[in-house]
N, C-alpha and C. Protein backbone atom coordinates (compact mmCIF):
# COMPACT_ATOMS: atom_id res chain seq x y z
N MET A 1 -7.81 24.01 -158.03
CA MET A 1 -9.26 23.90 -157.95
C MET A 1 -9.65 23.75 -156.47
N LYS A 2 -10.58 24.58 -156.02
CA LYS A 2 -11.04 24.53 -154.65
C LYS A 2 -12.17 23.51 -154.52
N THR A 3 -12.11 22.73 -153.44
CA THR A 3 -13.08 21.67 -153.21
C THR A 3 -13.91 21.98 -151.97
N GLY A 4 -15.23 21.83 -152.12
CA GLY A 4 -16.15 21.97 -151.01
C GLY A 4 -16.89 20.66 -150.79
N ILE A 5 -17.17 20.36 -149.54
CA ILE A 5 -17.90 19.14 -149.20
C ILE A 5 -19.14 19.51 -148.41
N ILE A 6 -20.27 18.94 -148.83
CA ILE A 6 -21.50 19.03 -148.06
C ILE A 6 -21.67 17.69 -147.36
N VAL A 7 -21.75 17.71 -146.05
CA VAL A 7 -22.00 16.49 -145.28
C VAL A 7 -23.48 16.50 -144.93
N TYR A 8 -24.21 15.54 -145.52
CA TYR A 8 -25.64 15.41 -145.26
C TYR A 8 -25.79 14.39 -144.13
N VAL A 9 -26.21 14.88 -142.96
CA VAL A 9 -26.31 14.03 -141.78
C VAL A 9 -27.67 13.35 -141.77
N LEU A 10 -27.64 12.01 -141.89
CA LEU A 10 -28.85 11.19 -141.98
C LEU A 10 -29.55 11.06 -140.64
N GLY A 11 -30.82 10.73 -140.69
CA GLY A 11 -31.63 10.56 -139.49
C GLY A 11 -32.53 11.77 -139.33
N ASN A 12 -33.26 11.80 -138.27
CA ASN A 12 -34.18 12.91 -138.04
C ASN A 12 -33.58 13.94 -137.09
N GLN A 13 -32.26 14.01 -137.04
CA GLN A 13 -31.62 14.90 -136.10
C GLN A 13 -31.50 16.32 -136.63
N SER A 14 -31.43 17.21 -135.69
CA SER A 14 -30.99 18.57 -135.93
C SER A 14 -29.75 18.73 -135.07
N PRO A 15 -28.89 19.66 -135.39
CA PRO A 15 -27.70 19.81 -134.55
C PRO A 15 -28.10 20.28 -133.15
N ASP A 16 -27.49 19.69 -132.13
CA ASP A 16 -27.80 20.14 -130.77
C ASP A 16 -26.99 21.40 -130.45
N LYS A 17 -27.30 22.02 -129.35
CA LYS A 17 -26.66 23.29 -129.01
C LYS A 17 -25.17 23.14 -128.75
N ASP A 18 -24.70 21.93 -128.47
CA ASP A 18 -23.28 21.70 -128.21
C ASP A 18 -22.49 21.35 -129.47
N PHE A 19 -23.17 21.26 -130.62
CA PHE A 19 -22.49 20.89 -131.86
C PHE A 19 -21.52 22.00 -132.28
N ASP A 20 -20.26 21.65 -132.46
CA ASP A 20 -19.21 22.59 -132.85
C ASP A 20 -18.74 22.21 -134.26
N GLU A 21 -19.10 23.04 -135.25
CA GLU A 21 -18.77 22.72 -136.65
C GLU A 21 -17.27 22.60 -136.87
N ARG A 22 -16.48 23.49 -136.30
CA ARG A 22 -15.02 23.42 -136.49
C ARG A 22 -14.45 22.10 -135.95
N GLU A 23 -14.91 21.72 -134.78
CA GLU A 23 -14.45 20.46 -134.19
C GLU A 23 -14.90 19.27 -135.04
N ALA A 24 -16.14 19.33 -135.54
CA ALA A 24 -16.65 18.25 -136.38
C ALA A 24 -15.85 18.12 -137.66
N VAL A 25 -15.46 19.25 -138.26
CA VAL A 25 -14.65 19.20 -139.49
C VAL A 25 -13.29 18.58 -139.19
N LYS A 26 -12.67 18.94 -138.07
CA LYS A 26 -11.38 18.34 -137.69
C LYS A 26 -11.51 16.83 -137.53
N ASN A 27 -12.62 16.40 -136.91
CA ASN A 27 -12.84 14.97 -136.68
C ASN A 27 -13.11 14.19 -137.96
N LEU A 28 -13.56 14.87 -139.02
CA LEU A 28 -13.85 14.19 -140.29
C LEU A 28 -12.59 13.71 -140.99
N ASN A 29 -11.51 14.48 -140.85
CA ASN A 29 -10.24 14.12 -141.49
C ASN A 29 -10.40 13.99 -143.01
N VAL A 30 -10.95 15.05 -143.64
CA VAL A 30 -11.12 15.08 -145.09
C VAL A 30 -10.30 16.23 -145.67
N LYS A 31 -9.96 16.10 -146.94
CA LYS A 31 -9.25 17.17 -147.63
C LYS A 31 -10.27 18.01 -148.38
N ALA A 32 -10.51 19.21 -147.88
CA ALA A 32 -11.46 20.13 -148.52
C ALA A 32 -11.10 21.54 -148.09
N ASP A 33 -11.42 22.47 -148.95
CA ASP A 33 -11.20 23.88 -148.62
C ASP A 33 -12.31 24.42 -147.73
N ARG A 34 -13.48 23.81 -147.83
CA ARG A 34 -14.62 24.26 -147.02
C ARG A 34 -15.61 23.10 -146.85
N VAL A 35 -16.23 23.03 -145.68
CA VAL A 35 -17.21 21.98 -145.39
C VAL A 35 -18.47 22.64 -144.84
N GLU A 36 -19.62 22.17 -145.33
CA GLU A 36 -20.93 22.61 -144.83
C GLU A 36 -21.69 21.38 -144.36
N PHE A 37 -22.43 21.53 -143.27
CA PHE A 37 -23.25 20.44 -142.75
C PHE A 37 -24.72 20.74 -143.00
N VAL A 38 -25.45 19.72 -143.44
CA VAL A 38 -26.91 19.79 -143.60
C VAL A 38 -27.48 18.62 -142.81
N PHE A 39 -28.38 18.93 -141.89
CA PHE A 39 -29.01 17.89 -141.07
C PHE A 39 -30.39 17.60 -141.62
N SER A 40 -30.71 16.32 -141.76
CA SER A 40 -31.99 15.94 -142.37
C SER A 40 -33.19 16.43 -141.58
N GLY A 41 -33.04 16.66 -140.29
CA GLY A 41 -34.14 17.15 -139.47
C GLY A 41 -34.23 18.66 -139.42
N GLN A 42 -33.40 19.33 -140.17
CA GLN A 42 -33.34 20.79 -140.16
C GLN A 42 -34.08 21.33 -141.38
N ASN A 43 -34.99 22.24 -141.19
CA ASN A 43 -35.76 22.77 -142.31
C ASN A 43 -35.22 24.09 -142.84
N SER A 44 -34.44 24.80 -142.05
CA SER A 44 -34.03 26.15 -142.43
C SER A 44 -32.80 26.21 -143.33
N PHE A 45 -32.04 25.11 -143.45
CA PHE A 45 -30.82 25.11 -144.27
C PHE A 45 -30.75 23.74 -144.94
N ASP A 46 -30.89 23.72 -146.29
CA ASP A 46 -30.91 22.43 -146.99
C ASP A 46 -29.76 22.31 -147.98
N MET A 47 -29.80 21.26 -148.78
CA MET A 47 -28.72 20.97 -149.72
C MET A 47 -28.48 22.12 -150.69
N SER A 48 -29.53 22.69 -151.23
CA SER A 48 -29.35 23.77 -152.21
C SER A 48 -28.74 25.00 -151.55
N ASP A 49 -29.10 25.27 -150.30
CA ASP A 49 -28.50 26.39 -149.57
C ASP A 49 -27.00 26.16 -149.38
N ALA A 50 -26.63 24.95 -148.98
CA ALA A 50 -25.22 24.62 -148.76
C ALA A 50 -24.44 24.68 -150.06
N TRP A 51 -25.01 24.15 -151.14
CA TRP A 51 -24.35 24.17 -152.45
C TRP A 51 -24.11 25.61 -152.89
N LEU A 52 -25.13 26.47 -152.79
CA LEU A 52 -25.00 27.86 -153.18
C LEU A 52 -23.95 28.58 -152.34
N LYS A 53 -23.93 28.32 -151.05
CA LYS A 53 -22.95 28.94 -150.16
C LYS A 53 -21.52 28.57 -150.57
N LEU A 54 -21.32 27.29 -150.91
CA LEU A 54 -19.98 26.85 -151.33
C LEU A 54 -19.57 27.46 -152.66
N ILE A 55 -20.50 27.52 -153.60
CA ILE A 55 -20.22 28.13 -154.90
C ILE A 55 -19.88 29.61 -154.73
N GLN A 56 -20.63 30.29 -153.88
CA GLN A 56 -20.37 31.72 -153.63
C GLN A 56 -19.02 31.95 -152.96
N LYS A 57 -18.52 30.96 -152.23
CA LYS A 57 -17.22 31.06 -151.57
C LYS A 57 -16.07 30.64 -152.49
N GLY A 58 -16.39 30.36 -153.77
CA GLY A 58 -15.36 30.07 -154.76
C GLY A 58 -15.01 28.61 -154.96
N MET A 59 -15.83 27.71 -154.42
CA MET A 59 -15.57 26.28 -154.63
C MET A 59 -16.02 25.91 -156.04
N ASN A 60 -15.14 25.26 -156.80
CA ASN A 60 -15.54 24.86 -158.15
C ASN A 60 -15.66 23.35 -158.28
N HIS A 61 -15.47 22.63 -157.19
CA HIS A 61 -15.71 21.19 -157.14
C HIS A 61 -16.44 20.93 -155.83
N VAL A 62 -17.69 20.51 -155.92
CA VAL A 62 -18.51 20.29 -154.73
C VAL A 62 -19.03 18.86 -154.73
N VAL A 63 -18.84 18.18 -153.62
CA VAL A 63 -19.35 16.82 -153.47
C VAL A 63 -20.20 16.75 -152.20
N CYS A 64 -21.09 15.79 -152.18
CA CYS A 64 -21.92 15.53 -151.01
C CYS A 64 -21.56 14.16 -150.47
N LYS A 65 -21.35 14.10 -149.17
CA LYS A 65 -21.09 12.83 -148.50
C LYS A 65 -22.15 12.65 -147.43
N TYR A 66 -22.53 11.41 -147.19
CA TYR A 66 -23.49 11.10 -146.16
C TYR A 66 -22.77 10.83 -144.85
N GLY A 67 -23.39 11.22 -143.74
CA GLY A 67 -22.79 10.98 -142.44
C GLY A 67 -23.84 10.67 -141.39
N GLU A 68 -23.38 10.14 -140.26
CA GLU A 68 -24.24 9.86 -139.12
C GLU A 68 -23.61 10.43 -137.87
N ILE A 69 -24.43 10.94 -136.97
CA ILE A 69 -23.92 11.46 -135.71
C ILE A 69 -23.50 10.30 -134.82
N GLU A 70 -22.28 10.39 -134.30
CA GLU A 70 -21.78 9.38 -133.36
C GLU A 70 -21.62 9.94 -131.96
N GLY A 71 -21.54 11.23 -131.84
CA GLY A 71 -21.37 11.87 -130.54
C GLY A 71 -21.37 13.37 -130.75
N THR A 72 -21.11 14.10 -129.67
CA THR A 72 -21.08 15.56 -129.78
C THR A 72 -19.96 15.98 -130.72
N SER A 73 -20.31 16.62 -131.80
CA SER A 73 -19.37 17.12 -132.82
C SER A 73 -18.56 16.01 -133.48
N VAL A 74 -19.09 14.79 -133.47
CA VAL A 74 -18.44 13.67 -134.15
C VAL A 74 -19.43 13.09 -135.16
N ILE A 75 -19.03 13.14 -136.43
CA ILE A 75 -19.87 12.61 -137.51
C ILE A 75 -19.04 11.56 -138.26
N ARG A 76 -19.63 10.39 -138.43
CA ARG A 76 -18.96 9.32 -139.17
C ARG A 76 -19.47 9.34 -140.60
N LEU A 77 -18.55 9.46 -141.56
CA LEU A 77 -18.92 9.50 -142.97
C LEU A 77 -19.22 8.10 -143.48
N LYS A 78 -20.20 8.03 -144.38
CA LYS A 78 -20.52 6.80 -145.09
C LYS A 78 -19.67 6.74 -146.36
N GLU A 79 -19.65 5.62 -147.02
CA GLU A 79 -18.83 5.43 -148.22
C GLU A 79 -19.35 6.17 -149.44
N ARG A 80 -20.65 6.40 -149.49
CA ARG A 80 -21.26 6.98 -150.70
C ARG A 80 -20.93 8.46 -150.85
N GLU A 81 -20.73 8.87 -152.09
CA GLU A 81 -20.41 10.25 -152.40
C GLU A 81 -21.14 10.65 -153.67
N LEU A 82 -21.62 11.87 -153.71
CA LEU A 82 -22.35 12.38 -154.86
C LEU A 82 -21.69 13.67 -155.32
N GLN A 83 -21.26 13.73 -156.57
CA GLN A 83 -20.65 14.94 -157.10
C GLN A 83 -21.74 15.89 -157.54
N LEU A 84 -21.73 17.11 -157.00
CA LEU A 84 -22.78 18.07 -157.31
C LEU A 84 -22.36 19.08 -158.35
N CYS A 85 -21.09 19.41 -158.40
CA CYS A 85 -20.66 20.44 -159.34
C CYS A 85 -19.17 20.29 -159.65
N ALA A 86 -18.82 20.36 -160.88
CA ALA A 86 -17.42 20.40 -161.29
C ALA A 86 -17.33 21.42 -162.42
N CYS A 87 -16.98 22.62 -162.08
CA CYS A 87 -16.96 23.72 -163.06
C CYS A 87 -15.58 23.90 -163.64
């Protein structure tokens, strides 16, 4: 079963121009086949967009985790997790 994670970044931030998704995923140290980031201050890409993208990429287990920006391409995950899909 393929697992996808949506990291919902809390606060009013949008990703800055120096944000590197690959580096941020490495820094998360999570076991997932694919990770998508959604920033609360971003209007063009939201939770439903990320969920659909993961489903289209073949993920059959999708969870959402909350995170906070700690630095450039560094996101600290919170303890809470929400399961969005288990097909």
